[in-house]
């Protein structure tokens, strides 16, 4: 948690950039938020970068899955596969007096 926001970080390699983020409520196929970036708009990320949740409203008592896709433009242009890597995390959220608490999935 950072500033009462869920904090997701990844470990990029080489020239990998953020290609997309998906946030979903587990068990509710209609509750999916996704953001993908065009090639010229993919943000650079480091291990210290907090992946933006675009102010997604995480609600207490629910379980979530977050997927982050990193893409290497260099690998893709050279035809090297895989050019992308997918990271995922699952967790539940509690609301403790207005403060979001994350409980890791086991």
C-alpha atoms as a PDB file:
ATOM      1  CA  UNK A   1       0.000   0.000   0.000  1.00  0.00           C
ATOM      2  CA  UNK A   2       1.192   3.499  -0.856  1.00  0.00           C
ATOM      3  CA  UNK A   3      -0.945   6.531   0.021  1.00  0.00           C
ATOM      4  CA  UNK A   4      -3.976   4.243   0.514  1.00  0.00           C
ATOM      5  CA  UNK A   5      -3.568   2.806  -3.008  1.00  0.00           C
ATOM      6  CA  UNK A   6      -2.790  -0.799  -3.874  1.00  0.00           C
ATOM      7  CA  UNK A   7       0.845  -0.917  -4.996  1.00  0.00           C
ATOM      8  CA  UNK A   8       1.926  -3.366  -7.697  1.00  0.00           C
ATOM      9  CA  UNK A   9       5.544  -3.576  -8.821  1.00  0.00           C
ATOM     10  CA  UNK A  10       7.284  -5.752 -11.420  1.00  0.00           C
ATOM     11  CA  UNK A  11      10.872  -6.638 -12.347  1.00  0.00           C
ATOM     12  CA  UNK A  12      11.453  -5.425 -15.924  1.00  0.00           C
ATOM     13  CA  UNK A  13      14.397  -6.718 -17.937  1.00  0.00           C
ATOM     14  CA  UNK A  14      16.289  -4.861 -20.653  1.00  0.00           C
ATOM     15  CA  UNK A  15      14.085  -2.491 -22.635  1.00  0.00           C
ATOM     16  CA  UNK A  16      10.751  -3.878 -21.386  1.00  0.00           C
ATOM     17  CA  UNK A  17       7.979  -1.324 -21.093  1.00  0.00           C
ATOM     18  CA  UNK A  18       4.465  -1.401 -19.642  1.00  0.00           C
ATOM     19  CA  UNK A  19       2.114  -2.758 -22.317  1.00  0.00           C
ATOM     20  CA  UNK A  20      -1.013  -3.258 -20.218  1.00  0.00           C
ATOM     21  CA  UNK A  21      -2.711  -3.664 -16.854  1.00  0.00           C
ATOM     22  CA  UNK A  22      -5.826  -5.663 -15.983  1.00  0.00           C
ATOM     23  CA  UNK A  23      -7.628  -5.493 -12.635  1.00  0.00           C
ATOM     24  CA  UNK A  24     -10.485  -7.906 -12.014  1.00  0.00           C
ATOM     25  CA  UNK A  25     -12.813  -8.794  -9.182  1.00  0.00           C
ATOM     26  CA  UNK A  26     -12.413 -12.543  -8.700  1.00  0.00           C
ATOM     27  CA  UNK A  27     -15.664 -14.338  -9.490  1.00  0.00           C
ATOM     28  CA  UNK A  28     -17.257 -11.419 -11.365  1.00  0.00           C
ATOM     29  CA  UNK A  29     -16.522 -11.531 -15.092  1.00  0.00           C
ATOM     30  CA  UNK A  30     -18.292  -8.184 -15.555  1.00  0.00           C
ATOM     31  CA  UNK A  31     -15.982  -6.336 -13.144  1.00  0.00           C
ATOM     32  CA  UNK A  32     -12.814  -6.018 -15.211  1.00  0.00           C
ATOM     33  CA  UNK A  33     -10.746  -2.880 -15.753  1.00  0.00           C
ATOM     34  CA  UNK A  34      -8.139  -2.964 -18.471  1.00  0.00           C
ATOM     35  CA  UNK A  35      -5.696  -0.472 -19.901  1.00  0.00           C
ATOM     36  CA  UNK A  36      -3.411  -1.172 -22.846  1.00  0.00           C
ATOM     37  CA  UNK A  37      -0.803   1.150 -24.289  1.00  0.00           C
ATOM     38  CA  UNK A  38       0.026   1.752 -27.953  1.00  0.00           C
ATOM     39  CA  UNK A  39       3.638   1.097 -28.942  1.00  0.00           C
ATOM     40  CA  UNK A  40       4.630   4.765 -28.811  1.00  0.00           C
ATOM     41  CA  UNK A  41       2.818   5.309 -25.483  1.00  0.00           C
ATOM     42  CA  UNK A  42       4.183   2.398 -23.413  1.00  0.00           C
ATOM     43  CA  UNK A  43       5.578   3.871 -20.179  1.00  0.00           C
ATOM     44  CA  UNK A  44       9.068   2.925 -19.040  1.00  0.00           C
ATOM     45  CA  UNK A  45       9.110   1.067 -15.710  1.00  0.00           C
ATOM     46  CA  UNK A  46      11.729   0.094 -13.153  1.00  0.00           C
ATOM     47  CA  UNK A  47      11.583  -2.251 -10.177  1.00  0.00           C
ATOM     48  CA  UNK A  48      10.768   0.819  -8.044  1.00  0.00           C
ATOM     49  CA  UNK A  49       7.892   2.017 -10.251  1.00  0.00           C
ATOM     50  CA  UNK A  50       4.400   1.715  -8.769  1.00  0.00           C
ATOM     51  CA  UNK A  51       2.162   0.468 -11.575  1.00  0.00           C
ATOM     52  CA  UNK A  52      -0.762   2.897 -11.799  1.00  0.00           C
ATOM     53  CA  UNK A  53      -4.195   1.581 -10.876  1.00  0.00           C
ATOM     54  CA  UNK A  54      -5.817   4.672 -12.474  1.00  0.00           C
ATOM     55  CA  UNK A  55      -7.560   5.313  -9.141  1.00  0.00           C
ATOM     56  CA  UNK A  56      -9.420   2.002  -9.384  1.00  0.00           C
ATOM     57  CA  UNK A  57     -11.796   1.718  -6.423  1.00  0.00           C
ATOM     58  CA  UNK A  58     -10.816  -1.411  -4.509  1.00  0.00           C
ATOM     59  CA  UNK A  59     -13.620  -2.395  -2.130  1.00  0.00           C
ATOM     60  CA  UNK A  60     -13.292  -4.110   1.225  1.00  0.00           C
ATOM     61  CA  UNK A  61     -14.455  -7.718   1.383  1.00  0.00           C
ATOM     62  CA  UNK A  62     -13.556  -8.506  -2.229  1.00  0.00           C
ATOM     63  CA  UNK A  63     -10.773 -10.512  -3.854  1.00  0.00           C
ATOM     64  CA  UNK A  64      -8.877  -9.192  -6.849  1.00  0.00           C
ATOM     65  CA  UNK A  65      -6.484 -10.296  -9.526  1.00  0.00           C
ATOM     66  CA  UNK A  66      -4.026  -7.901 -11.140  1.00  0.00           C
ATOM     67  CA  UNK A  67      -2.130  -8.741 -14.323  1.00  0.00           C
ATOM     68  CA  UNK A  68       0.683  -6.616 -15.728  1.00  0.00           C
ATOM     69  CA  UNK A  69       2.149  -7.161 -19.197  1.00  0.00           C
ATOM     70  CA  UNK A  70       5.661  -5.998 -20.034  1.00  0.00           C
ATOM     71  CA  UNK A  71       6.789  -5.914 -23.659  1.00  0.00           C
ATOM     72  CA  UNK A  72      10.285  -5.655 -25.127  1.00  0.00           C
ATOM     73  CA  UNK A  73      10.106  -3.588 -28.338  1.00  0.00           C
ATOM     74  CA  UNK A  74      13.634  -4.763 -29.209  1.00  0.00           C
ATOM     75  CA  UNK A  75      12.746  -8.469 -28.933  1.00  0.00           C
ATOM     76  CA  UNK A  76       9.532  -7.952 -30.889  1.00  0.00           C
ATOM     77  CA  UNK A  77      11.290  -6.087 -33.717  1.00  0.00           C
ATOM     78  CA  UNK A  78      13.868  -8.912 -33.953  1.00  0.00           C
ATOM     79  CA  UNK A  79      11.199 -11.637 -33.896  1.00  0.00           C
ATOM     80  CA  UNK A  80      12.469 -13.037 -30.580  1.00  0.00           C
ATOM     81  CA  UNK A  81       9.794 -14.923 -28.645  1.00  0.00           C
ATOM     82  CA  UNK A  82       8.564 -14.400 -26.084  1.00  0.00           C
ATOM     83  CA  UNK A  83       8.724 -10.630 -26.524  1.00  0.00           C
ATOM     84  CA  UNK A  84       6.313 -10.081 -23.630  1.00  0.00           C
ATOM     85  CA  UNK A  85       6.063 -11.298 -20.052  1.00  0.00           C
ATOM     86  CA  UNK A  86       2.967 -11.423 -17.848  1.00  0.00           C
ATOM     87  CA  UNK A  87       2.996 -10.882 -14.086  1.00  0.00           C
ATOM     88  CA  UNK A  88       0.023 -11.670 -11.871  1.00  0.00           C
ATOM     89  CA  UNK A  89      -0.987 -11.184  -8.261  1.00  0.00           C
ATOM     90  CA  UNK A  90      -4.063 -12.162  -6.297  1.00  0.00           C
ATOM     91  CA  UNK A  91      -5.205 -10.645  -3.015  1.00  0.00           C
ATOM     92  CA  UNK A  92      -8.179  -9.675  -0.880  1.00  0.00           C
ATOM     93  CA  UNK A  93      -8.945  -6.212   0.423  1.00  0.00           C
ATOM     94  CA  UNK A  94     -10.185  -5.100   3.842  1.00  0.00           C
ATOM     95  CA  UNK A  95     -11.362  -1.621   4.725  1.00  0.00           C
ATOM     96  CA  UNK A  96     -10.115  -0.712   8.205  1.00  0.00           C
ATOM     97  CA  UNK A  97     -11.729   2.591   9.224  1.00  0.00           C
ATOM     98  CA  UNK A  98     -11.355   4.069   5.741  1.00  0.00           C
ATOM     99  CA  UNK A  99      -7.882   2.655   5.157  1.00  0.00           C
ATOM    100  CA  UNK A 100      -7.435  -0.106   2.596  1.00  0.00           C
ATOM    101  CA  UNK A 101      -5.589  -3.207   3.837  1.00  0.00           C
ATOM    102  CA  UNK A 102      -4.323  -5.841   1.388  1.00  0.00           C
ATOM    103  CA  UNK A 103      -4.379  -9.501   2.396  1.00  0.00           C
ATOM    104  CA  UNK A 104      -2.218 -11.718   0.133  1.00  0.00           C
ATOM    105  CA  UNK A 105      -3.827 -14.785  -1.438  1.00  0.00           C
ATOM    106  CA  UNK A 106      -2.478 -18.088  -0.149  1.00  0.00           C
END
